Amino acid sequence: MSGARRKARVREEIQRELSSILEFESRDPVVRTAFPTVMDVRLSVDGRYAKVYVALGADADPVAVERALAQDRGFYRSLLAERLALRHTPDLRFVMDETVERAMRLDALLRDEDETLGTG
């Protein structure tokens, strides 16, 4: 059980630190102007790999941001290694999280349906 708690703690620490790094220390203008938010971090069983789910601001180009994050992942990993006391700092893989966007689209569809039914 303590292994699961430790893994959850590590995930939370990675999420908190990466959020701070992306917001305040990223040197890439594509990333800085996208206003990235780290939504979730999923660690592999051995903790050597982390899949980082990132949501972006409304005007951001997800393809360009994903490319920039992938290109700069070594920089982000080295900053994480400085801040976290881990035996192995995980290799980062950034994935665009579309959960918020999907929820907004679904909400708009439901509102449109309500308006159609209400006026019909």
PDB file of N, CA and C in Angstrom:
ATOM      1  N   MET A   1       0.818  -1.198   0.000  1.00  0.00           N
ATOM      2  CA  MET A   1       0.000   0.000   0.000  1.00  0.00           C
ATOM      3  C   MET A   1       0.862   1.263   0.000  1.00  0.00           C
ATOM      4  N   SER A   2       1.988   1.243   0.714  1.00  0.00           N
ATOM      5  CA  SER A   2       2.817   2.440   0.763  1.00  0.00           C
ATOM      6  C   SER A   2       3.413   2.757  -0.607  1.00  0.00           C
ATOM      7  N   GLY A   3       3.593   1.724  -1.440  1.00  0.00           N
ATOM      8  CA  GLY A   3       4.089   1.963  -2.796  1.00  0.00           C
ATOM      9  C   GLY A   3       3.109   2.776  -3.616  1.00  0.00           C
ATOM     10  N   ALA A   4       1.825   2.495  -3.454  1.00  0.00           N
ATOM     11  CA  ALA A   4       0.790   3.251  -4.173  1.00  0.00           C
ATOM     12  C   ALA A   4       0.734   4.687  -3.670  1.00  0.00           C
ATOM     13  N   ARG A   5       0.867   4.864  -2.358  1.00  0.00           N
ATOM     14  CA  ARG A   5       0.861   6.230  -1.800  1.00  0.00           C
ATOM     15  C   ARG A   5       2.085   7.011  -2.252  1.00  0.00           C
ATOM     16  N   ARG A   6       3.214   6.348  -2.304  1.00  0.00           N
ATOM     17  CA  ARG A   6       4.440   7.018  -2.741  1.00  0.00           C
ATOM     18  C   ARG A   6       4.315   7.449  -4.199  1.00  0.00           C
ATOM     19  N   LYS A   7       3.785   6.556  -5.015  1.00  0.00           N
ATOM     20  CA  LYS A   7       3.611   6.864  -6.438  1.00  0.00           C
ATOM     21  C   LYS A   7       2.655   8.042  -6.610  1.00  0.00           C
ATOM     22  N   ALA A   8       1.580   8.077  -5.832  1.00  0.00           N
ATOM     23  CA  ALA A   8       0.630   9.197  -5.907  1.00  0.00           C
ATOM     24  C   ALA A   8       1.309  10.493  -5.477  1.00  0.00           C
ATOM     25  N   ARG A   9       2.130  10.427  -4.450  1.00  0.00           N
ATOM     26  CA  ARG A   9       2.850  11.622  -3.986  1.00  0.00           C
ATOM     27  C   ARG A   9       3.825  12.114  -5.054  1.00  0.00           C
ATOM     28  N   VAL A  10       4.533  11.204  -5.675  1.00  0.00           N
ATOM     29  CA  VAL A  10       5.488  11.573  -6.732  1.00  0.00           C
ATOM     30  C   VAL A  10       4.743  12.213  -7.903  1.00  0.00           C
ATOM     31  N   ARG A  11       3.615  11.627  -8.289  1.00  0.00           N
ATOM     32  CA  ARG A  11       2.805  12.201  -9.382  1.00  0.00           C
ATOM     33  C   ARG A  11       2.394  13.631  -9.049  1.00  0.00           C
ATOM     34  N   GLU A  12       1.927  13.845  -7.824  1.00  0.00           N
ATOM     35  CA  GLU A  12       1.502  15.187  -7.414  1.00  0.00           C
ATOM     36  C   GLU A  12       2.668  16.170  -7.421  1.00  0.00           C
ATOM     37  N   GLU A  13       3.834  15.731  -6.942  1.00  0.00           N
ATOM     38  CA  GLU A  13       5.005  16.603  -6.939  1.00  0.00           C
ATOM     39  C   GLU A  13       5.432  16.962  -8.363  1.00  0.00           C
ATOM     40  N   ILE A  14       5.432  15.968  -9.239  1.00  0.00           N
ATOM     41  CA  ILE A  14       5.796  16.228 -10.637  1.00  0.00           C
ATOM     42  C   ILE A  14       4.803  17.201 -11.249  1.00  0.00           C
ATOM     43  N   GLN A  15       3.520  16.995 -11.010  1.00  0.00           N
ATOM     44  CA  GLN A  15       2.501  17.882 -11.570  1.00  0.00           C
ATOM     45  C   GLN A  15       2.681  19.308 -11.062  1.00  0.00           C
ATOM     46  N   ARG A  16       2.896  19.465  -9.761  1.00  0.00           N
ATOM     47  CA  ARG A  16       3.060  20.801  -9.180  1.00  0.00           C
ATOM     48  C   ARG A  16       4.308  21.500  -9.735  1.00  0.00           C
ATOM     49  N   GLU A  17       5.423  20.798  -9.745  1.00  0.00           N
ATOM     50  CA  GLU A  17       6.670  21.403 -10.211  1.00  0.00           C
ATOM     51  C   GLU A  17       6.636  21.704 -11.706  1.00  0.00           C
ATOM     52  N   LEU A  18       6.100  20.770 -12.509  1.00  0.00           N
ATOM     53  CA  LEU A  18       6.018  21.025 -13.951  1.00  0.00           C
ATOM     54  C   LEU A  18       5.083  22.194 -14.257  1.00  0.00           C
ATOM     55  N   SER A  19       4.016  22.320 -13.502  1.00  0.00           N
ATOM     56  CA  SER A  19       3.109  23.457 -13.687  1.00  0.00           C
ATOM     57  C   SER A  19       3.867  24.758 -13.486  1.00  0.00           C
ATOM     58  N   SER A  20       4.635  24.816 -12.430  1.00  0.00           N
ATOM     59  CA  SER A  20       5.422  26.009 -12.139  1.00  0.00           C
ATOM     60  C   SER A  20       6.477  26.263 -13.219  1.00  0.00           C
ATOM     61  N   ILE A  21       7.155  25.212 -13.631  1.00  0.00           N
ATOM     62  CA  ILE A  21       8.200  25.348 -14.653  1.00  0.00           C
ATOM     63  C   ILE A  21       7.604  25.852 -15.968  1.00  0.00           C
ATOM     64  N   LEU A  22       6.503  25.247 -16.407  1.00  0.00           N
ATOM     65  CA  LEU A  22       5.901  25.649 -17.682  1.00  0.00           C
ATOM     66  C   LEU A  22       5.384  27.085 -17.625  1.00  0.00           C
ATOM     67  N   GLU A  23       4.846  27.470 -16.488  1.00  0.00           N
ATOM     68  CA  GLU A  23       4.263  28.804 -16.382  1.00  0.00           C
ATOM     69  C   GLU A  23       5.323  29.895 -16.237  1.00  0.00           C
ATOM     70  N   PHE A  24       6.356  29.643 -15.443  1.00  0.00           N
ATOM     71  CA  PHE A  24       7.283  30.715 -15.096  1.00  0.00           C
ATOM     72  C   PHE A  24       8.684  30.598 -15.682  1.00  0.00           C
ATOM     73  N   GLU A  25       9.104  29.393 -16.069  1.00  0.00           N
ATOM     74  CA  GLU A  25      10.498  29.227 -16.462  1.00  0.00           C
ATOM     75  C   GLU A  25      10.717  28.751 -17.888  1.00  0.00           C
ATOM     76  N   SER A  26       9.652  28.469 -18.600  1.00  0.00           N
ATOM     77  CA  SER A  26       9.808  28.029 -19.977  1.00  0.00           C
ATOM     78  C   SER A  26      10.383  29.174 -20.807  1.00  0.00           C
ATOM     79  N   ARG A  27      11.390  28.851 -21.594  1.00  0.00           N
ATOM     80  CA  ARG A  27      12.033  29.870 -22.426  1.00  0.00           C
ATOM     81  C   ARG A  27      11.417  29.946 -23.820  1.00  0.00           C
ATOM     82  N   ASP A  28      10.648  28.947 -24.179  1.00  0.00           N
ATOM     83  CA  ASP A  28      10.079  28.869 -25.514  1.00  0.00           C
ATOM     84  C   ASP A  28       8.847  29.773 -25.616  1.00  0.00           C
ATOM     85  N   PRO A  29       8.860  30.745 -26.537  1.00  0.00           N
ATOM     86  CA  PRO A  29       7.711  31.657 -26.664  1.00  0.00           C
ATOM     87  C   PRO A  29       6.417  30.944 -27.068  1.00  0.00           C
ATOM     88  N   VAL A  30       6.521  29.849 -27.803  1.00  0.00           N
ATOM     89  CA  VAL A  30       5.322  29.098 -28.193  1.00  0.00           C
ATOM     90  C   VAL A  30       4.640  28.540 -26.947  1.00  0.00           C
ATOM     91  N   VAL A  31       5.426  28.032 -26.031  1.00  0.00           N
ATOM     92  CA  VAL A  31       4.878  27.461 -24.794  1.00  0.00           C
ATOM     93  C   VAL A  31       4.367  28.572 -23.882  1.00  0.00           C
ATOM     94  N   ARG A  32       5.124  29.625 -23.745  1.00  0.00           N
ATOM     95  CA  ARG A  32       4.734  30.717 -22.831  1.00  0.00           C
ATOM     96  C   ARG A  32       3.412  31.358 -23.240  1.00  0.00           C
ATOM     97  N   THR A  33       3.201  31.564 -24.527  1.00  0.00           N
ATOM     98  CA  THR A  33       1.977  32.228 -24.980  1.00  0.00           C
ATOM     99  C   THR A  33       0.773  31.290 -25.011  1.00  0.00           C
ATOM    100  N   ALA A  34       0.998  29.984 -24.851  1.00  0.00           N
ATOM    101  CA  ALA A  34      -0.101  29.011 -24.885  1.00  0.00           C
ATOM    102  C   ALA A  34      -0.786  28.868 -23.523  1.00  0.00           C
ATOM    103  N   PHE A  35      -0.186  29.413 -22.475  1.00  0.00           N
ATOM    104  CA  PHE A  35      -0.714  29.305 -21.112  1.00  0.00           C
ATOM    105  C   PHE A  35      -1.045  27.851 -20.760  1.00  0.00           C
ATOM    106  N   PRO A  36      -0.029  26.969 -20.787  1.00  0.00           N
ATOM    107  CA  PRO A  36      -0.282  25.549 -20.525  1.00  0.00           C
ATOM    108  C   PRO A  36      -0.627  25.278 -19.070  1.00  0.00           C
ATOM    109  N   THR A  37      -1.502  24.310 -18.874  1.00  0.00           N
ATOM    110  CA  THR A  37      -1.877  23.858 -17.536  1.00  0.00           C
ATOM    111  C   THR A  37      -1.678  22.350 -17.482  1.00  0.00           C
ATOM    112  N   VAL A  38      -0.901  21.888 -16.520  1.00  0.00           N
ATOM    113  CA  VAL A  38      -0.692  20.446 -16.356  1.00  0.00           C
ATOM    114  C   VAL A  38      -1.917  19.889 -15.653  1.00  0.00           C
ATOM    115  N   MET A  39      -2.680  19.077 -16.379  1.00  0.00           N
ATOM    116  CA  MET A  39      -3.927  18.526 -15.862  1.00  0.00           C
ATOM    117  C   MET A  39      -3.712  17.228 -15.091  1.00  0.00           C
ATOM    118  N   ASP A  40      -2.765  16.417 -15.559  1.00  0.00           N
ATOM    119  CA  ASP A  40      -2.545  15.123 -14.917  1.00  0.00           C
ATOM    120  C   ASP A  40      -1.165  14.609 -15.298  1.00  0.00           C
ATOM    121  N   VAL A  41      -0.639  13.731 -14.472  1.00  0.00           N
ATOM    122  CA  VAL A  41       0.619  13.042 -14.747  1.00  0.00           C
ATOM    123  C   VAL A  41       0.382  11.565 -14.466  1.00  0.00           C
ATOM    124  N   ARG A  42       0.743  10.731 -15.416  1.00  0.00           N
ATOM    125  CA  ARG A  42       0.623   9.275 -15.247  1.00  0.00           C
ATOM    126  C   ARG A  42       2.024   8.686 -15.315  1.00  0.00           C
ATOM    127  N   LEU A  43       2.389   7.971 -14.277  1.00  0.00           N
ATOM    128  CA  LEU A  43       3.710   7.350 -14.209  1.00  0.00           C
ATOM    129  C   LEU A  43       3.639   5.898 -14.648  1.00  0.00           C
ATOM    130  N   SER A  44       4.709   5.429 -15.289  1.00  0.00           N
ATOM    131  CA  SER A  44       4.807   4.003 -15.602  1.00  0.00           C
ATOM    132  C   SER A  44       4.999   3.240 -14.296  1.00  0.00           C
ATOM    133  N   VAL A  45       4.861   1.942 -14.361  1.00  0.00           N
ATOM    134  CA  VAL A  45       4.960   1.106 -13.162  1.00  0.00           C
ATOM    135  C   VAL A  45       6.307   1.301 -12.464  1.00  0.00           C
ATOM    136  N   ASP A  46       7.382   1.384 -13.242  1.00  0.00           N
ATOM    137  CA  ASP A  46       8.710   1.536 -12.645  1.00  0.00           C
ATOM    138  C   ASP A  46       9.080   2.997 -12.374  1.00  0.00           C
ATOM    139  N   GLY A  47       8.224   3.944 -12.765  1.00  0.00           N
ATOM    140  CA  GLY A  47       8.474   5.351 -12.491  1.00  0.00           C
ATOM    141  C   GLY A  47       9.494   6.012 -13.399  1.00  0.00           C
ATOM    142  N   ARG A  48       9.906   5.336 -14.441  1.00  0.00           N
ATOM    143  CA  ARG A  48      10.920   5.913 -15.341  1.00  0.00           C
ATOM    144  C   ARG A  48      10.333   6.761 -16.461  1.00  0.00           C
ATOM    145  N   TYR A  49       9.033   6.647 -16.674  1.00  0.00           N
ATOM    146  CA  TYR A  49       8.368   7.402 -17.731  1.00  0.00           C
ATOM    147  C   TYR A  49       7.136   8.087 -17.161  1.00  0.00           C
ATOM    148  N   ALA A  50       6.923   9.313 -17.605  1.00  0.00           N
ATOM    149  CA  ALA A  50       5.744  10.057 -17.166  1.00  0.00           C
ATOM    150  C   ALA A  50       5.039  10.626 -18.386  1.00  0.00           C
ATOM    151  N   LYS A  51       3.753  10.366 -18.465  1.00  0.00           N
ATOM    152  CA  LYS A  51       2.926  10.951 -19.508  1.00  0.00           C
ATOM    153  C   LYS A  51       2.249  12.165 -18.864  1.00  0.00           C
ATOM    154  N   VAL A  52       2.507  13.344 -19.427  1.00  0.00           N
ATOM    155  CA  VAL A  52       2.026  14.598 -18.851  1.00  0.00           C
ATOM    156  C   VAL A  52       0.914  15.144 -19.739  1.00  0.00           C
ATOM    157  N   TYR A  53      -0.284  15.268 -19.169  1.00  0.00           N
ATOM    158  CA  TYR A  53      -1.439  15.774 -19.904  1.00  0.00           C
ATOM    159  C   TYR A  53      -1.532  17.280 -19.700  1.00  0.00           C
ATOM    160  N   VAL A  54      -1.521  18.021 -20.813  1.00  0.00           N
ATOM    161  CA  VAL A  54      -1.479  19.477 -20.767  1.00  0.00           C
ATOM    162  C   VAL A  54      -2.680  20.061 -21.499  1.00  0.00           C
ATOM    163  N   ALA A  55      -3.360  21.000 -20.838  1.00  0.00           N
ATOM    164  CA  ALA A  55      -4.437  21.766 -21.477  1.00  0.00           C
ATOM    165  C   ALA A  55      -3.878  23.130 -21.835  1.00  0.00           C
ATOM    166  N   LEU A  56      -4.398  23.712 -22.901  1.00  0.00           N
ATOM    167  CA  LEU A  56      -3.866  24.972 -23.412  1.00  0.00           C
ATOM    168  C   LEU A  56      -4.913  26.068 -23.374  1.00  0.00           C
ATOM    169  N   GLY A  57      -4.431  27.312 -23.487  1.00  0.00           N
ATOM    170  CA  GLY A  57      -5.324  28.449 -23.603  1.00  0.00           C
ATOM    171  C   GLY A  57      -6.092  28.383 -24.912  1.00  0.00           C
ATOM    172  N   ALA A  58      -7.122  29.206 -25.026  1.00  0.00           N
ATOM    173  CA  ALA A  58      -8.055  29.134 -26.162  1.00  0.00           C
ATOM    174  C   ALA A  58      -7.393  29.384 -27.516  1.00  0.00           C
ATOM    175  N   ASP A  59      -6.426  30.279 -27.577  1.00  0.00           N
ATOM    176  CA  ASP A  59      -5.856  30.673 -28.870  1.00  0.00           C
ATOM    177  C   ASP A  59      -4.596  29.889 -29.249  1.00  0.00           C
ATOM    178  N   ALA A  60      -4.227  28.911 -28.457  1.00  0.00           N
ATOM    179  CA  ALA A  60      -2.979  28.185 -28.692  1.00  0.00           C
ATOM    180  C   ALA A  60      -3.129  27.163 -29.815  1.00  0.00           C
ATOM    181  N   ASP A  61      -2.030  26.964 -30.528  1.00  0.00           N
ATOM    182  CA  ASP A  61      -1.964  25.945 -31.573  1.00  0.00           C
ATOM    183  C   ASP A  61      -1.438  24.657 -30.943  1.00  0.00           C
ATOM    184  N   PRO A  62      -2.298  23.654 -30.739  1.00  0.00           N
ATOM    185  CA  PRO A  62      -1.867  22.450 -30.020  1.00  0.00           C
ATOM    186  C   PRO A  62      -0.722  21.701 -30.691  1.00  0.00           C
ATOM    187  N   VAL A  63      -0.688  21.693 -32.002  1.00  0.00           N
ATOM    188  CA  VAL A  63       0.384  20.979 -32.704  1.00  0.00           C
ATOM    189  C   VAL A  63       1.725  21.658 -32.453  1.00  0.00           C
ATOM    190  N   ALA A  64       1.762  22.981 -32.555  1.00  0.00           N
ATOM    191  CA  ALA A  64       3.002  23.725 -32.328  1.00  0.00           C
ATOM    192  C   ALA A  64       3.460  23.606 -30.878  1.00  0.00           C
ATOM    193  N   VAL A  65       2.516  23.662 -29.952  1.00  0.00           N
ATOM    194  CA  VAL A  65       2.871  23.567 -28.536  1.00  0.00           C
ATOM    195  C   VAL A  65       3.384  22.167 -28.206  1.00  0.00           C
ATOM    196  N   GLU A  66       2.716  21.142 -28.720  1.00  0.00           N
ATOM    197  CA  GLU A  66       3.168  19.771 -28.468  1.00  0.00           C
ATOM    198  C   GLU A  66       4.574  19.555 -29.025  1.00  0.00           C
ATOM    199  N   ARG A  67       4.830  20.107 -30.189  1.00  0.00           N
ATOM    200  CA  ARG A  67       6.164  20.007 -30.793  1.00  0.00           C
ATOM    201  C   ARG A  67       7.209  20.726 -29.927  1.00  0.00           C
ATOM    202  N   ALA A  68       6.858  21.929 -29.446  1.00  0.00           N
ATOM    203  CA  ALA A  68       7.780  22.695 -28.611  1.00  0.00           C
ATOM    204  C   ALA A  68       8.047  21.992 -27.281  1.00  0.00           C
ATOM    205  N   LEU A  69       7.008  21.435 -26.675  1.00  0.00           N
ATOM    206  CA  LEU A  69       7.185  20.720 -25.409  1.00  0.00           C
ATOM    207  C   LEU A  69       8.074  19.494 -25.602  1.00  0.00           C
ATOM    208  N   ALA A  70       7.869  18.773 -26.696  1.00  0.00           N
ATOM    209  CA  ALA A  70       8.691  17.592 -26.974  1.00  0.00           C
ATOM    210  C   ALA A  70      10.147  17.988 -27.197  1.00  0.00           C
ATOM    211  N   GLN A  71      10.361  19.099 -27.868  1.00  0.00           N
ATOM    212  CA  GLN A  71      11.715  19.564 -28.154  1.00  0.00           C
ATOM    213  C   GLN A  71      12.424  19.999 -26.876  1.00  0.00           C
ATOM    214  N   ASP A  72      11.691  20.588 -25.935  1.00  0.00           N
ATOM    215  CA  ASP A  72      12.286  21.132 -24.709  1.00  0.00           C
ATOM    216  C   ASP A  72      12.176  20.193 -23.515  1.00  0.00           C
ATOM    217  N   ARG A  73      11.758  18.955 -23.728  1.00  0.00           N
ATOM    218  CA  ARG A  73      11.508  18.074 -22.590  1.00  0.00           C
ATOM    219  C   ARG A  73      12.756  17.772 -21.769  1.00  0.00           C
ATOM    220  N   GLY A  74      13.914  17.774 -22.375  1.00  0.00           N
ATOM    221  CA  GLY A  74      15.165  17.579 -21.623  1.00  0.00           C
ATOM    222  C   GLY A  74      15.401  18.710 -20.635  1.00  0.00           C
ATOM    223  N   PHE A  75      15.100  19.940 -21.057  1.00  0.00           N
ATOM    224  CA  PHE A  75      15.211  21.105 -20.174  1.00  0.00           C
ATOM    225  C   PHE A  75      14.273  20.963 -18.986  1.00  0.00           C
ATOM    226  N   TYR A  76      13.009  20.580 -19.251  1.00  0.00           N
ATOM    227  CA  TYR A  76      12.031  20.425 -18.174  1.00  0.00           C
ATOM    228  C   TYR A  76      12.435  19.280 -17.238  1.00  0.00           C
ATOM    229  N   ARG A  77      12.956  18.226 -17.798  1.00  0.00           N
ATOM    230  CA  ARG A  77      13.379  17.083 -16.983  1.00  0.00           C
ATOM    231  C   ARG A  77      14.552  17.466 -16.084  1.00  0.00           C
ATOM    232  N   SER A  78      15.500  18.241 -16.604  1.00  0.00           N
ATOM    233  CA  SER A  78      16.648  18.639 -15.783  1.00  0.00           C
ATOM    234  C   SER A  78      16.209  19.560 -14.641  1.00  0.00           C
ATOM    235  N   LEU A  79      15.246  20.443 -14.894  1.00  0.00           N
ATOM    236  CA  LEU A  79      14.729  21.284 -13.808  1.00  0.00           C
ATOM    237  C   LEU A  79      13.998  20.449 -12.765  1.00  0.00           C
ATOM    238  N   LEU A  80      13.255  19.448 -13.219  1.00  0.00           N
ATOM    239  CA  LEU A  80      12.591  18.540 -12.279  1.00  0.00           C
ATOM    240  C   LEU A  80      13.613  17.796 -11.424  1.00  0.00           C
ATOM    241  N   ALA A  81      14.686  17.345 -12.032  1.00  0.00           N
ATOM    242  CA  ALA A  81      15.723  16.598 -11.307  1.00  0.00           C
ATOM    243  C   ALA A  81      16.344  17.462 -10.210  1.00  0.00           C
ATOM    244  N   GLU A  82      16.501  18.758 -10.477  1.00  0.00           N
ATOM    245  CA  GLU A  82      17.050  19.667  -9.468  1.00  0.00           C
ATOM    246  C   GLU A  82      16.105  19.841  -8.290  1.00  0.00           C
ATOM    247  N   ARG A  83      14.808  19.779  -8.539  1.00  0.00           N
ATOM    248  CA  ARG A  83      13.814  20.097  -7.513  1.00  0.00           C
ATOM    249  C   ARG A  83      13.293  18.905  -6.738  1.00  0.00           C
ATOM    250  N   LEU A  84      13.301  17.732  -7.354  1.00  0.00           N
ATOM    251  CA  LEU A  84      12.724  16.558  -6.713  1.00  0.00           C
ATOM    252  C   LEU A  84      13.820  15.579  -6.313  1.00  0.00           C
ATOM    253  N   ALA A  85      13.670  15.007  -5.139  1.00  0.00           N
ATOM    254  CA  ALA A  85      14.637  14.025  -4.650  1.00  0.00           C
ATOM    255  C   ALA A  85      14.193  12.632  -5.080  1.00  0.00           C
ATOM    256  N   LEU A  86      14.438  12.320  -6.348  1.00  0.00           N
ATOM    257  CA  LEU A  86      14.061  11.025  -6.897  1.00  0.00           C
ATOM    258  C   LEU A  86      15.313  10.289  -7.356  1.00  0.00           C
ATOM    259  N   ARG A  87      15.289   8.976  -7.234  1.00  0.00           N
ATOM    260  CA  ARG A  87      16.416   8.183  -7.721  1.00  0.00           C
ATOM    261  C   ARG A  87      16.539   8.336  -9.238  1.00  0.00           C
ATOM    262  N   HIS A  88      15.384   8.278  -9.923  1.00  0.00           N
ATOM    263  CA  HIS A  88      15.356   8.444 -11.377  1.00  0.00           C
ATOM    264  C   HIS A  88      14.295   9.477 -11.719  1.00  0.00           C
ATOM    265  N   THR A  89      14.698  10.530 -12.389  1.00  0.00           N
ATOM    266  CA  THR A  89      13.726  11.498 -12.868  1.00  0.00           C
ATOM    267  C   THR A  89      13.105  10.918 -14.131  1.00  0.00           C
ATOM    268  N   PRO A  90      11.778  10.838 -14.181  1.00  0.00           N
ATOM    269  CA  PRO A  90      11.149  10.170 -15.331  1.00  0.00           C
ATOM    270  C   PRO A  90      11.352  10.913 -16.644  1.00  0.00           C
ATOM    271  N   ASP A  91      11.397  10.142 -17.704  1.00  0.00           N
ATOM    272  CA  ASP A  91      11.415  10.690 -19.055  1.00  0.00           C
ATOM    273  C   ASP A  91      10.006  11.218 -19.330  1.00  0.00           C
ATOM    274  N   LEU A  92       9.909  12.448 -19.812  1.00  0.00           N
ATOM    275  CA  LEU A  92       8.615  13.101 -19.977  1.00  0.00           C
ATOM    276  C   LEU A  92       8.077  12.944 -21.391  1.00  0.00           C
ATOM    277  N   ARG A  93       6.785  12.688 -21.475  1.00  0.00           N
ATOM    278  CA  ARG A  93       6.080  12.676 -22.760  1.00  0.00           C
ATOM    279  C   ARG A  93       4.849  13.543 -22.583  1.00  0.00           C
ATOM    280  N   PHE A  94       4.771  14.609 -23.365  1.00  0.00           N
ATOM    281  CA  PHE A  94       3.660  15.551 -23.249  1.00  0.00           C
ATOM    282  C   PHE A  94       2.543  15.178 -24.217  1.00  0.00           C
ATOM    283  N   VAL A  95       1.309  15.215 -23.710  1.00  0.00           N
ATOM    284  CA  VAL A  95       0.124  14.891 -24.492  1.00  0.00           C
ATOM    285  C   VAL A  95      -0.883  16.005 -24.265  1.00  0.00           C
ATOM    286  N   MET A  96      -1.499  16.467 -25.351  1.00  0.00           N
ATOM    287  CA  MET A  96      -2.515  17.512 -25.211  1.00  0.00           C
ATOM    288  C   MET A  96      -3.788  16.909 -24.608  1.00  0.00           C
ATOM    289  N   ASP A  97      -4.279  17.518 -23.561  1.00  0.00           N
ATOM    290  CA  ASP A  97      -5.493  17.064 -22.876  1.00  0.00           C
ATOM    291  C   ASP A  97      -6.665  17.867 -23.424  1.00  0.00           C
ATOM    292  N   GLU A  98      -7.589  17.177 -24.038  1.00  0.00           N
ATOM    293  CA  GLU A  98      -8.733  17.845 -24.670  1.00  0.00           C
ATOM    294  C   GLU A  98     -10.009  17.706 -23.841  1.00  0.00           C
ATOM    295  N   THR A  99      -9.884  17.315 -22.584  1.00  0.00           N
ATOM    296  CA  THR A  99     -11.049  17.099 -21.738  1.00  0.00           C
ATOM    297  C   THR A  99     -11.878  18.364 -21.582  1.00  0.00           C
ATOM    298  N   VAL A 100     -11.236  19.485 -21.309  1.00  0.00           N
ATOM    299  CA  VAL A 100     -11.953  20.745 -21.102  1.00  0.00           C
ATOM    300  C   VAL A 100     -12.641  21.169 -22.397  1.00  0.00           C
ATOM    301  N   GLU A 101     -11.929  21.053 -23.514  1.00  0.00           N
ATOM    302  CA  GLU A 101     -12.497  21.421 -24.809  1.00  0.00           C
ATOM    303  C   GLU A 101     -13.712  20.558 -25.141  1.00  0.00           C
ATOM    304  N   ARG A 102     -13.609  19.253 -24.887  1.00  0.00           N
ATOM    305  CA  ARG A 102     -14.732  18.360 -25.141  1.00  0.00           C
ATOM    306  C   ARG A 102     -15.929  18.701 -24.263  1.00  0.00           C
ATOM    307  N   ALA A 103     -15.670  19.021 -23.008  1.00  0.00           N
ATOM    308  CA  ALA A 103     -16.756  19.380 -22.092  1.00  0.00           C
ATOM    309  C   ALA A 103     -17.455  20.654 -22.552  1.00  0.00           C
ATOM    310  N   MET A 104     -16.686  21.617 -23.044  1.00  0.00           N
ATOM    311  CA  MET A 104     -17.289  22.859 -23.533  1.00  0.00           C
ATOM    312  C   MET A 104     -18.137  22.596 -24.778  1.00  0.00           C
ATOM    313  N   ARG A 105     -17.650  21.746 -25.689  1.00  0.00           N
ATOM    314  CA  ARG A 105     -18.424  21.406 -26.890  1.00  0.00           C
ATOM    315  C   ARG A 105     -19.712  20.687 -26.522  1.00  0.00           C
ATOM    316  N   LEU A 106     -19.618  19.749 -25.583  1.00  0.00           N
ATOM    317  CA  LEU A 106     -20.799  19.006 -25.136  1.00  0.00           C
ATOM    318  C   LEU A 106     -21.805  19.947 -24.484  1.00  0.00           C
ATOM    319  N   ASP A 107     -21.317  20.867 -23.660  1.00  0.00           N
ATOM    320  CA  ASP A 107     -22.192  21.837 -23.019  1.00  0.00           C
ATOM    321  C   ASP A 107     -22.901  22.699 -24.064  1.00  0.00           C
ATOM    322  N   ALA A 108     -22.173  23.140 -25.094  1.00  0.00           N
ATOM    323  CA  ALA A 108     -22.770  23.951 -26.156  1.00  0.00           C
ATOM    324  C   ALA A 108     -23.833  23.148 -26.915  1.00  0.00           C
ATOM    325  N   LEU A 109     -23.544  21.878 -27.192  1.00  0.00           N
ATOM    326  CA  LEU A 109     -24.526  21.035 -27.875  1.00  0.00           C
ATOM    327  C   LEU A 109     -25.788  20.856 -27.039  1.00  0.00           C
ATOM    328  N   LEU A 110     -25.620  20.645 -25.751  1.00  0.00           N
ATOM    329  CA  LEU A 110     -26.779  20.484 -24.873  1.00  0.00           C
ATOM    330  C   LEU A 110     -27.589  21.777 -24.777  1.00  0.00           C
ATOM    331  N   ARG A 111     -26.904  22.910 -24.722  1.00  0.00           N
ATOM    332  CA  ARG A 111     -27.612  24.195 -24.689  1.00  0.00           C
ATOM    333  C   ARG A 111     -28.382  24.423 -25.974  1.00  0.00           C
ATOM    334  N   ASP A 112     -27.763  24.102 -27.110  1.00  0.00           N
ATOM    335  CA  ASP A 112     -28.444  24.242 -28.401  1.00  0.00           C
ATOM    336  C   ASP A 112     -29.678  23.342 -28.453  1.00  0.00           C
ATOM    337  N   GLU A 113     -29.551  22.128 -27.949  1.00  0.00           N
ATOM    338  CA  GLU A 113     -30.671  21.179 -27.936  1.00  0.00           C
ATOM    339  C   GLU A 113     -31.800  21.705 -27.040  1.00  0.00           C
ATOM    340  N   ASP A 114     -31.437  22.252 -25.885  1.00  0.00           N
ATOM    341  CA  ASP A 114     -32.446  22.816 -24.969  1.00  0.00           C
ATOM    342  C   ASP A 114     -33.185  23.979 -25.624  1.00  0.00           C
ATOM    343  N   GLU A 115     -32.426  24.826 -26.328  1.00  0.00           N
ATOM    344  CA  GLU A 115     -33.052  25.984 -26.998  1.00  0.00           C
ATOM    345  C   GLU A 115     -33.970  25.514 -28.129  1.00  0.00           C
ATOM    346  N   THR A 116     -33.551  24.493 -28.859  1.00  0.00           N
ATOM    347  CA  THR A 116     -34.367  23.957 -29.938  1.00  0.00           C
ATOM    348  C   THR A 116     -35.651  23.354 -29.410  1.00  0.00           C
ATOM    349  N   LEU A 117     -35.554  22.590 -28.348  1.00  0.00           N
ATOM    350  CA  LEU A 117     -36.740  21.954 -27.751  1.00  0.00           C
ATOM    351  C   LEU A 117     -37.659  23.000 -27.104  1.00  0.00           C
ATOM    352  N   GLY A 118     -37.064  24.005 -26.508  1.00  0.00           N
ATOM    353  CA  GLY A 118     -37.847  25.033 -25.822  1.00  0.00           C
ATOM    354  C   GLY A 118     -38.618  25.927 -26.783  1.00  0.00           C
ATOM    355  N   THR A 119     -38.064  26.157 -27.973  1.00  0.00           N
ATOM    356  CA  THR A 119     -38.725  27.048 -28.939  1.00  0.00           C
ATOM    357  C   THR A 119     -39.595  26.270 -29.910  1.00  0.00           C
ATOM    358  N   GLY A 120     -39.466  24.957 -29.938  1.00  0.00           N
ATOM    359  CA  GLY A 120     -40.156  24.128 -30.923  1.00  0.00           C
ATOM    360  C   GLY A 120     -41.503  23.769 -30.544  1.00  0.00           C
TER     361      GLY A 120
END
